[in-house]
Amino acid sequence: MVFLTNFHPISCRYDSKKKFYCPITSDGKTNCLGKGKGRHYPPMEPKAKVFLENYYRDSNKKLAELLVNIQNSIPAWLQSKLDEYKSVR
């Protein structure tokens, strides 16, 4: 199994104009992406959502297992999915 070494999280700052987080450069400025970032999309078709959730189910379970093994916490969005998987059984 490969583990990340020398991992340094990127510092980010919320940009209220763009309405998302942007990385902070070494000189303290934000480096936001262009106009295409953060655009709004039409709602996802329910059938597509079901497909994607089923497609990523095993990967989500493996991600949770990895996070536990490296003693990291499971993010709320992932814990929510794991709880859903248990209730569907």
Protein backbone atom coordinates (compact mmCIF):
# COMPACT_ATOMS: atom_id res chain seq x y z
CA MET A 1 0.00 0.00 0.00
CA VAL A 2 1.30 3.45 -0.89
CA PHE A 3 1.18 6.16 1.76
CA LEU A 4 1.54 9.86 1.24
CA THR A 5 4.70 11.24 2.77
CA ASN A 6 5.69 14.85 3.19
CA PHE A 7 2.09 15.86 2.57
CA HIS A 8 1.43 19.52 3.15
CA PRO A 9 -2.16 20.71 2.81
CA ILE A 10 -2.63 23.72 0.56
CA SER A 11 -3.76 26.80 2.43
CA CYS A 12 -7.00 28.16 1.05
CA ARG A 13 -9.13 31.23 1.57
CA TYR A 14 -12.82 31.66 0.78
CA ASP A 15 -13.40 34.16 -2.02
CA SER A 16 -16.82 35.76 -1.46
CA LYS A 17 -16.90 37.11 -5.02
CA LYS A 18 -16.23 33.70 -6.61
CA LYS A 19 -18.13 31.86 -3.83
CA PHE A 20 -15.58 29.07 -3.40
CA TYR A 21 -12.17 28.45 -1.82
CA CYS A 22 -8.99 29.41 -3.65
CA PRO A 23 -5.37 28.41 -2.88
CA ILE A 24 -3.14 31.04 -1.33
CA THR A 25 0.12 31.78 -3.14
CA SER A 26 3.48 32.22 -1.40
CA ASP A 27 3.01 36.01 -1.49
CA GLY A 28 -0.34 35.74 0.35
CA LYS A 29 -2.66 36.36 -2.60
CA THR A 30 -5.40 34.00 -3.69
CA ASN A 31 -5.00 32.12 -6.95
CA CYS A 32 -8.57 31.44 -8.06
CA LEU A 33 -9.47 29.58 -11.21
CA GLY A 34 -11.19 31.23 -14.15
CA LYS A 35 -14.81 32.08 -14.95
CA GLY A 36 -15.77 28.46 -15.64
CA LYS A 37 -15.12 27.43 -12.03
CA GLY A 38 -18.19 27.43 -9.87
CA ARG A 39 -20.76 27.72 -12.63
CA HIS A 40 -24.25 26.37 -12.03
CA TYR A 41 -25.52 23.23 -13.72
CA PRO A 42 -29.04 21.90 -14.18
CA PRO A 43 -30.19 19.33 -11.59
CA MET A 44 -28.87 15.81 -12.10
CA GLU A 45 -31.30 13.23 -13.44
CA PRO A 46 -32.31 10.82 -10.64
CA LYS A 47 -31.32 7.83 -12.79
CA ALA A 48 -27.82 9.28 -13.28
CA LYS A 49 -27.45 9.93 -9.54
CA VAL A 50 -28.38 6.32 -8.73
CA PHE A 51 -25.89 5.06 -11.32
CA LEU A 52 -23.04 7.20 -9.95
CA GLU A 53 -23.78 6.29 -6.33
CA ASN A 54 -23.72 2.59 -7.20
CA TYR A 55 -20.59 3.03 -9.32
CA TYR A 56 -18.64 4.71 -6.49
CA ARG A 57 -20.03 2.60 -3.60
CA ASP A 58 -17.05 0.19 -3.38
CA SER A 59 -14.53 3.01 -3.84
CA ASN A 60 -16.17 5.00 -1.05
CA LYS A 61 -15.99 1.98 1.27
CA LYS A 62 -12.29 1.49 0.41
CA LEU A 63 -11.59 5.18 0.98
CA ALA A 64 -13.19 4.99 4.42
CA GLU A 65 -11.13 1.90 5.25
CA LEU A 66 -7.93 3.66 4.14
CA LEU A 67 -8.71 6.74 6.23
CA VAL A 68 -9.30 4.59 9.30
CA ASN A 69 -6.08 2.63 8.67
CA ILE A 70 -4.01 5.82 8.48
CA GLN A 71 -5.85 7.21 11.51
CA ASN A 72 -7.61 10.03 9.72
CA SER A 73 -11.19 10.98 10.34
CA ILE A 74 -13.92 10.13 7.86
CA PRO A 75 -15.44 13.30 6.35
CA ALA A 76 -19.13 13.92 7.03
CA TRP A 77 -20.14 13.43 3.38
CA LEU A 78 -18.48 10.01 3.32
CA GLN A 79 -19.89 8.94 6.69
CA SER A 80 -23.32 9.90 5.42
CA LYS A 81 -22.86 7.66 2.37
CA LEU A 82 -21.61 4.77 4.53
CA ASP A 83 -24.70 5.14 6.73
CA GLU A 84 -26.91 5.04 3.62
CA TYR A 85 -25.18 1.87 2.42
CA LYS A 86 -25.90 0.17 5.77
CA SER A 87 -29.57 1.15 5.74
CA VAL A 88 -30.10 -0.19 2.19
CA ARG A 89 -28.99 -3.74 3.05
